[in-house]
N, C-alpha and C. Protein backbone atom coordinates (compact mmCIF):
# COMPACT_ATOMS: atom_id res chain seq x y z
N MET A 1 0.72 -1.15 0.14
CA MET A 1 -0.01 -0.13 0.08
C MET A 1 0.94 1.18 -0.01
N LYS A 2 1.64 1.28 1.00
CA LYS A 2 2.76 2.66 1.07
C LYS A 2 3.70 2.62 -0.42
N THR A 3 3.73 1.60 -0.99
CA THR A 3 4.54 1.50 -2.28
C THR A 3 3.64 2.06 -3.42
N LYS A 4 2.49 1.86 -3.50
CA LYS A 4 1.52 2.43 -4.33
C LYS A 4 1.41 3.77 -4.21
N ILE A 5 1.28 4.24 -2.99
CA ILE A 5 1.10 5.95 -2.29
C ILE A 5 2.17 6.64 -2.92
N ILE A 6 3.43 6.05 -2.60
CA ILE A 6 4.61 6.52 -3.34
C ILE A 6 4.84 6.76 -4.43
N LEU A 7 4.54 5.45 -5.48
CA LEU A 7 4.46 6.00 -6.92
C LEU A 7 3.68 7.04 -7.31
N LEU A 8 2.25 6.97 -6.79
CA LEU A 8 1.46 8.01 -7.10
C LEU A 8 2.01 9.70 -6.74
N PHE A 9 2.52 9.72 -5.74
CA PHE A 9 3.20 10.92 -5.37
C PHE A 9 4.36 11.22 -6.41
N PHE A 10 4.99 10.35 -6.75
CA PHE A 10 6.13 10.80 -7.75
C PHE A 10 5.52 11.10 -9.26
N VAL A 11 4.38 9.98 -9.40
CA VAL A 11 3.73 10.62 -10.90
C VAL A 11 2.77 11.73 -10.99
N LEU A 12 2.39 12.19 -9.58
CA LEU A 12 1.87 13.65 -9.52
C LEU A 12 2.70 14.70 -9.49
N LEU A 13 3.94 14.53 -9.04
CA LEU A 13 5.12 15.54 -9.27
C LEU A 13 5.51 15.42 -10.54
N SER A 14 5.81 14.40 -11.36
CA SER A 14 5.90 14.46 -12.74
C SER A 14 5.20 15.55 -13.55
N VAL A 15 3.56 14.60 -13.41
CA VAL A 15 2.79 15.98 -14.03
C VAL A 15 2.64 16.78 -14.19
N LEU A 16 2.95 17.19 -13.04
CA LEU A 16 3.02 19.21 -12.55
C LEU A 16 4.14 19.72 -12.81
N GLY A 17 5.33 18.85 -12.91
CA GLY A 17 6.64 19.61 -13.70
C GLY A 17 6.31 19.80 -15.30
N CYS A 18 5.62 18.65 -16.14
CA CYS A 18 5.39 19.11 -17.24
C CYS A 18 4.70 20.33 -17.44
N LYS A 19 3.69 20.33 -16.79
CA LYS A 19 2.65 21.21 -17.04
C LYS A 19 3.29 22.68 -16.91
N LYS A 20 4.04 22.94 -16.08
CA LYS A 20 5.06 23.81 -15.53
C LYS A 20 5.76 24.20 -16.83
N GLN A 21 6.40 23.43 -17.21
CA GLN A 21 7.46 23.40 -18.60
C GLN A 21 6.82 23.77 -19.84
N GLU A 22 5.24 23.43 -19.78
CA GLU A 22 4.64 23.87 -20.78
C GLU A 22 3.86 25.37 -20.92
N GLU A 23 4.11 26.07 -19.61
CA GLU A 23 3.33 27.19 -19.45
C GLU A 23 3.95 28.08 -20.38
N PRO A 24 3.27 28.84 -21.05
CA PRO A 24 4.25 29.79 -22.40
C PRO A 24 4.89 31.28 -21.53
N VAL A 25 6.12 31.54 -21.90
CA VAL A 25 6.39 32.56 -21.16
C VAL A 25 6.09 33.79 -21.99
N THR A 26 5.61 34.89 -21.00
CA THR A 26 4.88 35.96 -21.49
C THR A 26 5.61 36.93 -20.72
N ALA A 27 5.31 38.14 -21.10
CA ALA A 27 5.83 39.70 -20.21
C ALA A 27 4.95 39.69 -19.02
N LYS A 28 5.85 39.91 -17.99
CA LYS A 28 4.96 39.89 -16.72
C LYS A 28 4.05 41.05 -16.94
N ASN A 29 4.05 42.05 -17.36
CA ASN A 29 3.10 43.37 -17.39
C ASN A 29 3.24 43.89 -19.15
N ASP A 30 2.05 43.55 -19.54
CA ASP A 30 2.17 44.31 -21.16
C ASP A 30 2.37 45.80 -20.99
N ASN A 31 2.10 46.61 -19.95
CA ASN A 31 2.20 47.79 -19.94
C ASN A 31 3.54 48.31 -19.26
N ASN A 32 4.08 47.41 -18.85
CA ASN A 32 5.32 48.08 -18.46
C ASN A 32 6.78 47.56 -19.48
N LYS A 33 7.42 48.46 -19.79
CA LYS A 33 8.25 48.61 -21.08
C LYS A 33 9.53 47.75 -20.38
N ALA A 34 9.85 47.85 -19.42
CA ALA A 34 10.88 47.28 -18.78
C ALA A 34 10.76 45.81 -18.48
N ASP A 35 9.55 45.19 -18.34
CA ASP A 35 9.32 44.01 -18.57
C ASP A 35 9.30 43.39 -20.06
N ARG A 36 9.14 44.36 -21.02
CA ARG A 36 9.27 43.83 -22.41
C ARG A 36 10.34 43.64 -23.00
N LEU A 37 11.07 44.75 -22.56
CA LEU A 37 12.60 44.70 -22.83
C LEU A 37 13.43 43.43 -22.32
N GLU A 38 13.15 43.40 -20.86
CA GLU A 38 13.53 42.18 -20.04
C GLU A 38 13.21 40.85 -21.00
N GLN A 39 11.98 41.01 -21.49
CA GLN A 39 11.69 39.41 -21.99
C GLN A 39 12.52 39.06 -23.08
N LEU A 40 13.08 40.26 -23.63
CA LEU A 40 13.83 40.12 -24.93
C LEU A 40 15.21 39.62 -24.68
N LEU A 41 15.63 40.57 -23.63
CA LEU A 41 17.05 40.19 -23.00
C LEU A 41 17.26 38.90 -22.33
N THR A 42 16.33 38.27 -21.66
CA THR A 42 16.21 36.90 -20.90
C THR A 42 16.13 35.94 -22.16
N GLY A 43 15.32 36.39 -23.11
CA GLY A 43 15.30 35.18 -24.04
C GLY A 43 16.70 35.00 -24.78
N ASN A 44 17.53 36.10 -24.86
CA ASN A 44 18.73 35.99 -25.56
C ASN A 44 19.49 35.27 -24.75
N GLN A 45 19.70 35.62 -23.42
CA GLN A 45 20.23 34.64 -22.54
C GLN A 45 20.08 33.30 -22.72
N ARG A 46 19.09 32.85 -22.54
CA ARG A 46 18.57 31.46 -22.74
C ARG A 46 19.26 30.86 -24.07
N PHE A 47 19.07 31.76 -25.20
CA PHE A 47 19.81 31.27 -26.51
C PHE A 47 20.98 31.15 -26.36
N LEU A 48 22.10 32.18 -25.49
CA LEU A 48 23.31 32.03 -25.68
C LEU A 48 23.83 30.54 -24.47
N ASP A 49 22.75 30.38 -23.54
CA ASP A 49 22.99 29.58 -22.76
C ASP A 49 22.56 28.02 -23.02
N GLY A 50 22.11 28.05 -24.37
CA GLY A 50 21.60 26.68 -24.90
C GLY A 50 20.57 26.01 -24.32
N LYS A 51 19.89 27.03 -23.80
CA LYS A 51 18.34 26.65 -22.77
C LYS A 51 17.57 27.21 -23.28
N SER A 52 17.29 27.29 -24.95
CA SER A 52 16.15 27.86 -25.43
C SER A 52 14.64 27.24 -25.30
N ILE A 53 13.89 27.75 -24.80
CA ILE A 53 12.64 26.79 -24.63
C ILE A 53 11.42 26.77 -25.65
N HIS A 54 11.89 27.68 -26.77
CA HIS A 54 10.75 27.89 -27.84
C HIS A 54 9.40 27.97 -27.67
N PRO A 55 9.49 29.09 -26.75
CA PRO A 55 7.61 29.39 -26.67
C PRO A 55 6.93 29.50 -27.60
N HIS A 56 5.60 29.26 -27.60
CA HIS A 56 4.63 29.58 -28.40
C HIS A 56 4.76 29.50 -30.17
N GLN A 57 5.44 27.94 -29.97
CA GLN A 57 5.59 27.37 -31.11
C GLN A 57 4.93 26.00 -31.41
N ASP A 58 3.76 26.15 -31.30
CA ASP A 58 2.90 25.07 -30.92
C ASP A 58 1.38 25.50 -32.13
N LYS A 59 0.76 24.18 -32.45
CA LYS A 59 -0.49 24.49 -32.88
C LYS A 59 -1.32 25.04 -32.30
N GLN A 60 -1.53 25.04 -30.81
CA GLN A 60 -2.22 25.65 -29.64
C GLN A 60 -1.92 27.31 -29.93
N THR A 61 -0.82 27.70 -30.38
CA THR A 61 -0.57 29.15 -30.12
C THR A 61 -1.17 29.51 -31.85
N VAL A 62 -1.02 28.77 -32.67
CA VAL A 62 -1.72 29.12 -34.20
C VAL A 62 -3.16 29.57 -33.81
N LEU A 63 -3.88 28.67 -33.33
CA LEU A 63 -5.19 28.78 -33.05
C LEU A 63 -5.33 29.73 -32.08
N ALA A 64 -4.81 30.15 -31.01
CA ALA A 64 -5.01 31.39 -30.11
C ALA A 64 -4.96 32.69 -30.83
N ASN A 65 -4.25 32.53 -31.85
CA ASN A 65 -3.87 33.90 -32.69
C ASN A 65 -4.16 34.09 -34.23
N GLN A 66 -5.54 33.11 -34.30
CA GLN A 66 -5.87 33.14 -35.59
C GLN A 66 -7.04 34.26 -35.90
N ASP A 67 -7.28 34.92 -34.91
CA ASP A 67 -8.14 36.05 -35.04
C ASP A 67 -7.84 37.49 -35.01
N GLY A 68 -6.25 37.50 -34.56
CA GLY A 68 -5.87 38.45 -34.53
C GLY A 68 -4.44 38.36 -33.60
N GLN A 69 -3.72 39.12 -33.89
CA GLN A 69 -2.23 39.56 -33.08
C GLN A 69 -2.28 40.48 -32.07
N LYS A 70 -1.47 40.29 -31.40
CA LYS A 70 -0.86 41.35 -30.40
C LYS A 70 0.61 41.17 -29.85
N PRO A 71 1.63 41.51 -30.79
CA PRO A 71 2.83 41.25 -30.59
C PRO A 71 3.18 42.51 -29.38
N PHE A 72 4.24 41.68 -28.90
CA PHE A 72 4.59 43.02 -27.49
C PHE A 72 5.77 43.65 -27.92
N ALA A 73 6.12 43.33 -29.23
CA ALA A 73 7.25 44.51 -29.72
C ALA A 73 7.49 44.28 -31.22
N VAL A 74 7.84 45.15 -31.82
CA VAL A 74 8.59 45.32 -33.12
C VAL A 74 9.65 45.44 -33.29
N VAL A 75 10.26 44.39 -34.37
CA VAL A 75 11.88 44.32 -34.51
C VAL A 75 12.07 44.75 -35.91
N VAL A 76 12.69 46.01 -35.85
CA VAL A 76 13.35 46.24 -37.35
C VAL A 76 14.80 45.54 -37.37
N THR A 77 15.05 44.88 -38.05
CA THR A 77 16.38 44.18 -38.28
C THR A 77 16.89 43.73 -39.85
N CYS A 78 18.12 43.25 -39.96
CA CYS A 78 18.63 43.02 -41.37
C CYS A 78 17.74 42.00 -42.01
N SER A 79 17.81 41.62 -43.31
CA SER A 79 17.74 40.55 -43.81
C SER A 79 18.76 39.28 -43.86
N ASP A 80 19.50 39.39 -43.20
CA ASP A 80 20.62 38.51 -43.08
C ASP A 80 20.11 37.22 -42.43
N SER A 81 20.59 36.08 -43.23
CA SER A 81 19.95 34.85 -42.95
C SER A 81 20.53 34.55 -41.55
N ARG A 82 21.65 35.16 -40.98
CA ARG A 82 22.26 34.79 -39.66
C ARG A 82 21.41 35.53 -38.46
N VAL A 83 20.39 36.59 -38.85
CA VAL A 83 19.82 37.00 -37.74
C VAL A 83 18.34 37.22 -37.64
N SER A 84 17.98 36.09 -37.04
CA SER A 84 16.48 35.51 -37.15
C SER A 84 16.00 36.06 -35.45
N PRO A 85 15.14 36.92 -35.27
CA PRO A 85 14.70 37.63 -33.99
C PRO A 85 13.95 36.68 -33.13
N GLU A 86 13.39 35.79 -33.69
CA GLU A 86 12.28 34.82 -33.01
C GLU A 86 13.15 33.75 -32.41
N ILE A 87 14.31 33.55 -32.98
CA ILE A 87 15.40 32.72 -32.59
C ILE A 87 16.43 33.10 -31.84
N VAL A 88 17.14 34.35 -32.12
CA VAL A 88 17.95 34.87 -30.82
C VAL A 88 17.45 35.19 -29.61
N PHE A 89 16.00 35.84 -29.85
CA PHE A 89 15.36 36.51 -28.61
C PHE A 89 14.53 35.22 -27.99
N ASP A 90 14.42 34.10 -28.57
CA ASP A 90 13.74 32.86 -28.02
C ASP A 90 12.16 33.04 -28.01
N GLN A 91 11.83 33.68 -28.72
CA GLN A 91 10.31 34.09 -28.77
C GLN A 91 9.52 33.07 -30.04
N GLY A 92 8.09 33.40 -29.98
CA GLY A 92 7.44 32.24 -30.90
C GLY A 92 6.29 33.12 -31.47
N ILE A 93 5.41 32.37 -32.20
CA ILE A 93 4.25 33.03 -32.87
C ILE A 93 3.41 33.95 -32.09
N GLY A 94 3.48 35.19 -33.04
CA GLY A 94 2.35 36.28 -32.34
C GLY A 94 3.17 36.89 -31.17
N ASP A 95 4.63 37.04 -31.02
CA ASP A 95 5.45 37.79 -29.94
C ASP A 95 6.01 38.80 -30.53
N LEU A 96 6.48 38.54 -31.77
CA LEU A 96 7.53 39.95 -32.42
C LEU A 96 6.78 40.46 -33.79
N PHE A 97 6.59 41.69 -34.07
CA PHE A 97 5.94 41.91 -35.62
C PHE A 97 7.49 42.65 -35.78
N VAL A 98 7.91 41.58 -36.97
CA VAL A 98 9.37 41.88 -37.56
C VAL A 98 9.23 42.24 -38.72
N ILE A 99 10.18 43.54 -39.01
CA ILE A 99 10.34 44.11 -40.31
C ILE A 99 11.84 44.03 -40.73
N ARG A 100 12.05 43.67 -42.04
CA ARG A 100 13.43 43.16 -42.42
C ARG A 100 13.78 43.73 -43.77
N ASN A 101 15.09 44.35 -44.10
CA ASN A 101 15.32 44.53 -45.13
C ASN A 101 16.95 44.56 -44.98
N ALA A 102 17.80 44.65 -46.12
CA ALA A 102 19.17 44.59 -46.23
C ALA A 102 19.50 45.85 -45.61
N GLY A 103 20.36 46.08 -44.32
CA GLY A 103 21.03 47.14 -43.56
C GLY A 103 19.66 47.74 -42.42
N ASN A 104 18.97 47.14 -42.33
CA ASN A 104 17.90 47.60 -41.44
C ASN A 104 17.50 48.99 -41.40
N LEU A 105 17.40 49.26 -42.70
CA LEU A 105 16.90 50.67 -43.15
C LEU A 105 15.43 51.14 -42.74
N ILE A 106 15.26 52.33 -42.99
CA ILE A 106 13.44 52.72 -42.65
C ILE A 106 13.19 53.67 -43.92
N SER A 107 12.35 53.01 -44.79
CA SER A 107 11.96 53.41 -46.19
C SER A 107 10.27 54.03 -45.48
N ASP A 108 9.59 54.54 -46.47
CA ASP A 108 8.27 54.74 -46.10
C ASP A 108 7.74 53.90 -46.01
N ILE A 109 8.03 52.55 -46.58
CA ILE A 109 6.86 51.30 -46.35
C ILE A 109 7.29 50.80 -45.41
N ASP A 110 8.65 50.65 -44.60
CA ASP A 110 8.92 50.27 -43.28
C ASP A 110 8.50 51.17 -42.34
N MET A 111 8.07 52.58 -42.44
CA MET A 111 7.76 53.13 -41.31
C MET A 111 6.20 53.07 -41.43
N GLY A 112 5.56 52.70 -42.22
CA GLY A 112 4.05 52.43 -42.40
C GLY A 112 4.22 51.43 -41.34
N SER A 113 4.88 50.30 -41.90
CA SER A 113 4.66 49.05 -41.28
C SER A 113 4.87 49.37 -39.66
N ILE A 114 5.67 50.11 -39.03
CA ILE A 114 5.96 50.42 -37.37
C ILE A 114 4.43 50.99 -37.24
N GLU A 115 4.06 52.12 -37.99
CA GLU A 115 3.13 52.79 -37.43
C GLU A 115 1.78 52.04 -37.22
N TYR A 116 1.62 50.98 -38.33
CA TYR A 116 0.17 49.87 -38.16
C TYR A 116 0.94 49.12 -36.83
N ALA A 117 1.84 48.73 -36.53
CA ALA A 117 2.11 47.79 -35.31
C ALA A 117 1.59 48.65 -34.06
N VAL A 118 2.33 49.91 -34.18
CA VAL A 118 2.07 50.63 -32.99
C VAL A 118 0.47 51.21 -32.81
N GLU A 119 0.10 51.74 -33.90
CA GLU A 119 -1.27 52.33 -33.66
C GLU A 119 -2.38 51.04 -33.75
N HIS A 120 -2.30 50.14 -34.47
CA HIS A 120 -3.36 49.07 -34.40
C HIS A 120 -3.30 48.02 -33.99
N LEU A 121 -2.04 47.62 -33.47
CA LEU A 121 -1.87 46.32 -32.63
C LEU A 121 -1.06 46.87 -31.33
N ASP A 122 -1.04 48.01 -31.09
CA ASP A 122 -0.96 48.42 -29.60
C ASP A 122 0.74 48.17 -29.20
N ALA A 123 1.72 47.79 -29.96
CA ALA A 123 3.38 47.54 -29.55
C ALA A 123 3.59 48.59 -29.17
N LYS A 124 4.30 48.69 -27.92
CA LYS A 124 4.90 49.68 -27.05
C LYS A 124 6.28 49.68 -27.37
N LEU A 125 7.00 48.59 -27.82
CA LEU A 125 8.42 48.28 -27.68
C LEU A 125 8.84 48.23 -29.15
N ILE A 126 9.99 49.12 -29.83
CA ILE A 126 10.34 49.06 -30.76
C ILE A 126 11.91 48.88 -30.90
N VAL A 127 12.34 48.11 -31.52
CA VAL A 127 13.82 47.45 -31.50
C VAL A 127 14.53 47.60 -32.81
N ILE A 128 15.55 48.37 -32.82
CA ILE A 128 16.15 48.54 -33.79
C ILE A 128 17.39 47.51 -34.05
N LEU A 129 17.39 46.43 -34.63
CA LEU A 129 18.72 45.61 -34.15
C LEU A 129 19.70 45.09 -35.72
N GLY A 130 20.63 46.09 -35.82
CA GLY A 130 21.86 45.88 -36.41
C GLY A 130 22.36 44.46 -36.18
N HIS A 131 23.73 44.36 -36.72
CA HIS A 131 24.27 43.43 -36.45
C HIS A 131 25.72 43.39 -37.14
N THR A 132 26.85 42.63 -36.34
CA THR A 132 28.05 42.74 -37.06
C THR A 132 28.45 41.91 -38.18
N GLU A 133 29.39 42.06 -39.04
CA GLU A 133 29.75 41.85 -40.50
C GLU A 133 28.34 41.99 -40.97
N CYS A 134 27.95 43.05 -41.25
CA CYS A 134 26.88 43.59 -42.02
C CYS A 134 26.97 43.72 -43.38
N GLY A 135 26.31 43.07 -44.45
CA GLY A 135 26.99 43.45 -45.83
C GLY A 135 26.50 44.62 -46.46
N ALA A 136 25.51 45.43 -45.92
CA ALA A 136 25.12 46.39 -46.62
C ALA A 136 25.85 47.54 -45.69
N VAL A 137 26.31 47.59 -44.38
CA VAL A 137 27.31 48.71 -44.11
C VAL A 137 28.49 48.40 -44.79
N LYS A 138 29.08 47.30 -44.91
CA LYS A 138 30.18 46.83 -45.56
C LYS A 138 30.66 47.24 -47.10
N ALA A 139 29.20 47.31 -47.95
CA ALA A 139 29.34 47.93 -49.10
C ALA A 139 29.41 49.29 -49.23
N TYR A 140 28.93 49.87 -48.00
CA TYR A 140 28.69 51.14 -47.78
C TYR A 140 30.66 51.87 -47.37
N ILE A 141 30.90 51.05 -46.66
CA ILE A 141 32.62 51.27 -45.97
C ILE A 141 33.56 51.09 -47.35
N ASN A 142 33.41 50.18 -48.37
CA ASN A 142 34.25 49.69 -49.52
C ASN A 142 33.91 50.73 -50.72
N ASP A 143 32.81 51.45 -50.81
CA ASP A 143 32.31 52.21 -51.53
C ASP A 143 33.39 53.21 -51.90
N LYS A 144 34.01 53.12 -52.99
CA LYS A 144 35.28 54.38 -53.28
C LYS A 144 34.62 55.35 -54.24
N ASP A 145 34.51 56.50 -53.62
CA ASP A 145 34.47 57.78 -54.24
C ASP A 145 32.94 57.73 -55.03
N GLY A 146 32.06 57.31 -54.21
CA GLY A 146 30.76 57.47 -54.67
C GLY A 146 30.32 56.46 -55.90
N ALA A 147 31.03 55.36 -56.05
CA ALA A 147 30.98 54.53 -57.26
C ALA A 147 29.58 53.86 -57.16
N TYR A 148 28.83 53.80 -56.08
CA TYR A 148 27.75 53.21 -56.02
C TYR A 148 26.75 53.94 -57.37
N LYS A 149 26.92 55.11 -57.59
CA LYS A 149 26.00 56.06 -58.52
C LYS A 149 26.50 55.91 -59.90
N LYS A 150 27.33 55.04 -60.08
CA LYS A 150 27.83 54.61 -61.75
C LYS A 150 27.09 53.15 -62.18
N HIS A 151 26.30 52.68 -60.93
CA HIS A 151 25.98 51.31 -61.41
C HIS A 151 24.38 51.56 -61.75
N PHE A 152 23.87 51.99 -61.24
CA PHE A 152 22.42 52.56 -61.09
C PHE A 152 21.59 51.10 -60.79
N ASN A 153 21.86 50.18 -59.94
CA ASN A 153 21.08 49.16 -59.56
C ASN A 153 20.49 49.23 -58.08
N HIS A 154 19.59 48.76 -57.75
CA HIS A 154 18.76 48.58 -56.40
C HIS A 154 19.95 48.63 -55.43
N ILE A 155 20.88 47.86 -55.31
CA ILE A 155 21.65 47.76 -54.48
C ILE A 155 22.53 48.93 -54.01
N ASP A 156 22.69 49.56 -55.06
CA ASP A 156 23.20 50.98 -55.29
C ASP A 156 22.47 52.04 -54.19
N ASN A 157 21.40 51.66 -54.22
CA ASN A 157 20.01 52.52 -53.54
C ASN A 157 20.56 52.21 -51.99
N ILE A 158 20.87 51.20 -51.64
CA ILE A 158 20.98 50.83 -50.38
C ILE A 158 22.44 51.60 -49.56
N VAL A 159 23.45 51.28 -50.58
CA VAL A 159 24.64 52.19 -49.94
C VAL A 159 24.62 53.58 -50.04
N GLU A 160 23.87 54.31 -51.15
CA GLU A 160 23.40 55.80 -51.10
C GLU A 160 23.01 56.09 -49.70
N THR A 161 21.89 55.04 -49.63
CA THR A 161 21.11 55.57 -48.28
C THR A 161 21.99 55.58 -47.17
N ILE A 162 22.75 54.72 -46.83
CA ILE A 162 23.68 54.62 -45.52
C ILE A 162 24.45 56.06 -45.68
N ALA A 163 24.83 56.30 -46.89
CA ALA A 163 26.07 57.17 -47.03
C ALA A 163 25.50 58.93 -46.69
N GLN A 164 24.12 58.45 -46.79
CA GLN A 164 23.51 59.88 -46.54
C GLN A 164 23.21 59.98 -45.37
N GLU A 165 23.23 59.03 -44.02
CA GLU A 165 22.71 59.12 -42.83
C GLU A 165 23.72 59.99 -42.20
N ASN A 166 23.04 61.26 -41.51
CA ASN A 166 23.59 62.04 -40.66
C ASN A 166 24.98 61.33 -39.54
N GLU A 167 24.33 60.54 -39.10
CA GLU A 167 24.95 59.65 -37.86
C GLU A 167 26.33 58.89 -38.72
N GLU A 168 26.50 58.31 -39.89
CA GLU A 168 27.47 58.08 -40.53
C GLU A 168 28.67 59.12 -41.14
N ILE A 169 28.06 60.08 -41.40
CA ILE A 169 28.53 61.08 -41.76
C ILE A 169 29.53 61.77 -40.69
N GLU A 170 28.91 61.99 -39.23
CA GLU A 170 29.56 62.18 -38.48
C GLU A 170 30.40 61.19 -37.74
N ALA A 171 30.29 60.05 -37.58
CA ALA A 171 31.20 58.96 -37.30
C ALA A 171 32.32 58.77 -38.09
N ASP A 172 32.32 59.26 -39.50
CA ASP A 172 33.54 59.12 -40.51
C ASP A 172 34.11 60.58 -40.31
N LYS A 173 33.70 61.43 -39.74
CA LYS A 173 34.73 62.56 -39.32
C LYS A 173 35.38 61.93 -38.00
N ILE A 174 34.55 61.64 -37.06
CA ILE A 174 35.59 60.97 -35.83
C ILE A 174 36.52 59.86 -36.33
N SER A 175 36.18 59.17 -37.10
CA SER A 175 37.26 57.86 -37.46
C SER A 175 36.92 57.77 -38.83
N PRO A 176 37.74 57.69 -39.73
CA PRO A 176 37.60 57.25 -41.21
C PRO A 176 37.11 56.00 -41.15
N LYS A 177 35.59 56.02 -41.96
CA LYS A 177 35.18 54.54 -41.93
C LYS A 177 35.47 53.34 -42.49
N ALA A 178 36.54 53.62 -42.97
CA ALA A 178 37.49 52.26 -43.39
C ALA A 178 38.17 51.58 -42.16
N GLY A 179 38.26 52.31 -40.91
CA GLY A 179 38.76 51.89 -40.03
C GLY A 179 37.94 52.00 -38.68
N ASN A 180 36.59 52.25 -39.19
CA ASN A 180 35.73 52.27 -37.73
C ASN A 180 34.59 51.47 -38.22
N TYR A 181 34.84 50.38 -38.53
CA TYR A 181 33.43 49.34 -39.30
C TYR A 181 32.30 49.19 -37.83
N LEU A 182 32.89 48.89 -36.76
CA LEU A 182 32.06 48.68 -35.81
C LEU A 182 31.29 50.25 -35.43
N GLY A 183 31.84 51.30 -35.52
CA GLY A 183 31.49 52.66 -35.48
C GLY A 183 30.18 52.86 -36.77
N ALA A 184 30.59 52.67 -37.84
CA ALA A 184 29.93 52.74 -38.84
C ALA A 184 28.67 51.75 -38.69
N ILE A 185 28.59 50.71 -38.11
CA ILE A 185 27.23 49.55 -37.74
C ILE A 185 26.52 50.30 -36.87
N ASP A 186 27.11 50.77 -35.70
CA ASP A 186 26.26 51.52 -34.74
C ASP A 186 25.53 52.85 -34.97
N ALA A 187 26.40 53.64 -36.03
CA ALA A 187 25.86 54.94 -36.72
C ALA A 187 24.63 54.37 -37.31
N ASN A 188 24.51 53.15 -38.27
CA ASN A 188 23.61 53.02 -38.84
C ASN A 188 22.44 53.04 -38.04
N ILE A 189 22.64 51.97 -37.28
CA ILE A 189 21.33 51.70 -36.00
C ILE A 189 20.66 52.62 -35.41
N LYS A 190 21.70 53.69 -35.02
CA LYS A 190 21.49 54.94 -34.63
C LYS A 190 20.54 55.56 -35.60
N HIS A 191 20.62 55.66 -36.72
CA HIS A 191 20.11 56.51 -37.47
C HIS A 191 18.66 56.13 -37.68
N SER A 192 18.45 54.74 -37.96
CA SER A 192 17.21 54.21 -38.01
C SER A 192 16.30 54.44 -36.67
N ALA A 193 16.89 54.34 -35.61
CA ALA A 193 16.16 54.66 -34.19
C ALA A 193 15.80 55.94 -34.18
N LYS A 194 16.81 56.63 -34.83
CA LYS A 194 16.32 58.34 -34.39
C LYS A 194 15.14 58.71 -35.68
N MET A 195 14.94 57.93 -36.81
CA MET A 195 13.86 58.17 -37.61
C MET A 195 12.74 57.92 -37.04
N VAL A 196 12.80 56.58 -36.34
CA VAL A 196 11.34 55.96 -35.69
C VAL A 196 11.10 56.82 -34.57
N GLN A 197 11.97 57.36 -33.78
CA GLN A 197 11.53 58.36 -32.28
C GLN A 197 11.11 59.24 -32.89
N ASP A 198 11.35 59.78 -34.01
CA ASP A 198 10.71 61.55 -34.76
C ASP A 198 9.34 61.21 -35.16
N ASN A 199 8.92 59.91 -35.41
CA ASN A 199 7.41 59.79 -36.28
C ASN A 199 6.70 60.08 -35.22
N PRO A 200 5.66 61.12 -35.71
CA PRO A 200 4.50 61.50 -34.77
C PRO A 200 3.58 60.46 -34.22
N ILE A 201 3.05 59.29 -34.85
CA ILE A 201 2.49 58.44 -34.51
C ILE A 201 3.15 57.70 -33.30
N VAL A 202 4.31 57.24 -33.34
CA VAL A 202 5.32 56.75 -32.51
C VAL A 202 5.28 57.43 -31.12
N LYS A 203 5.54 58.93 -31.20
CA LYS A 203 5.40 59.81 -30.35
C LYS A 203 4.02 59.74 -29.60
N GLU A 204 3.33 59.97 -30.27
CA GLU A 204 1.40 60.04 -29.86
C GLU A 204 1.58 58.78 -28.94
N HIS A 205 1.93 57.57 -29.21
CA HIS A 205 1.34 55.94 -28.57
C HIS A 205 2.62 55.95 -27.28
N LYS A 206 3.73 56.82 -27.25
CA LYS A 206 4.65 56.92 -26.13
C LYS A 206 5.27 55.55 -26.28
N ALA A 207 5.50 55.10 -27.54
CA ALA A 207 6.39 53.82 -27.64
C ALA A 207 7.49 54.05 -27.60
N THR A 208 8.20 52.76 -26.98
CA THR A 208 9.80 53.16 -26.52
C THR A 208 10.95 52.40 -27.47
N ILE A 209 11.76 53.17 -28.26
CA ILE A 209 12.54 52.87 -29.18
C ILE A 209 14.14 52.37 -28.38
N VAL A 210 14.45 50.98 -28.68
CA VAL A 210 15.58 50.58 -28.20
C VAL A 210 16.61 50.19 -29.45
N SER A 211 17.92 50.59 -29.16
CA SER A 211 19.01 50.15 -30.32
C SER A 211 19.73 49.05 -29.76
N MET A 212 19.76 48.19 -30.61
CA MET A 212 20.64 46.75 -30.30
C MET A 212 21.42 46.56 -31.54
N ARG A 213 22.48 45.71 -31.15
CA ARG A 213 23.37 45.16 -32.23
C ARG A 213 23.71 43.67 -31.59
N TYR A 214 23.14 42.85 -32.90
CA TYR A 214 23.59 41.58 -32.64
C TYR A 214 25.03 41.03 -33.14
N ASP A 215 25.60 40.21 -32.52
CA ASP A 215 26.97 39.58 -32.95
C ASP A 215 26.98 38.28 -33.38
N VAL A 216 27.33 38.28 -34.87
CA VAL A 216 26.99 37.01 -35.65
C VAL A 216 27.96 35.98 -34.94
N HIS A 217 28.92 36.28 -34.42
CA HIS A 217 30.06 35.40 -33.78
C HIS A 217 29.52 34.68 -32.77
N THR A 218 29.11 35.65 -31.91
CA THR A 218 28.62 35.03 -30.51
C THR A 218 27.13 34.56 -30.27
N GLY A 219 26.47 35.37 -30.98
CA GLY A 219 24.94 35.31 -30.59
C GLY A 219 24.39 36.03 -29.56
N LYS A 220 25.29 36.94 -29.13
CA LYS A 220 25.06 38.04 -28.32
C LYS A 220 24.47 39.03 -28.49
N VAL A 221 23.26 39.50 -28.24
CA VAL A 221 22.70 41.21 -28.36
C VAL A 221 22.79 42.34 -27.30
N THR A 222 23.38 43.05 -27.85
CA THR A 222 24.20 44.19 -27.01
C THR A 222 23.21 45.70 -27.02
N GLN A 223 22.49 45.87 -26.17
CA GLN A 223 21.95 47.21 -25.97
C GLN A 223 22.73 48.48 -26.18
N LEU A 224 22.52 49.28 -27.25
CA LEU A 224 23.57 50.59 -27.36
C LEU A 224 22.88 51.65 -26.46
């Protein structure tokens, strides 16, 4: 009899443990910007430690979001295949509203996407996520005497956009761009963040803008 009771006790503990692991990880308070940012940073730490829990990546989450979405953060990042926000922040379906293009730039279409997320989805945190080894920034650094203007292709538009950023121009004055690669990356991130910060709709909804840099060598996200 005692053996059966002991067995039942351990079975119960096992079931409760499984249920606890299956509980989705969500922000402690959707109205607290610190909690939303903490959720991203904590997720990145799990990723770095090899302890990703892959929350909200099941059929149940698909069904829960089928009639609408309420992402807790917007992430504007590069199209680089090594930079996947849901993976590096250990998030899932419905958690992040992700906008991607080469160089994490802000065009009118990208800004419209941000406005939609802030105004209609009530996203209160906007992350501009650049990264090391960014091909778009490298193209800008390696561009010699405005050579991009001679090619007339769309890649040149990316280089020209970065070259015209005030933050890049200032960074180049401090240290020539050829020897200040990391500075050029950060300047590009800060420029996009400034554009979003100045947006009237973003201001009206009091969204928080955070600049971050992802290191493709380590997997770590650093807040600038």
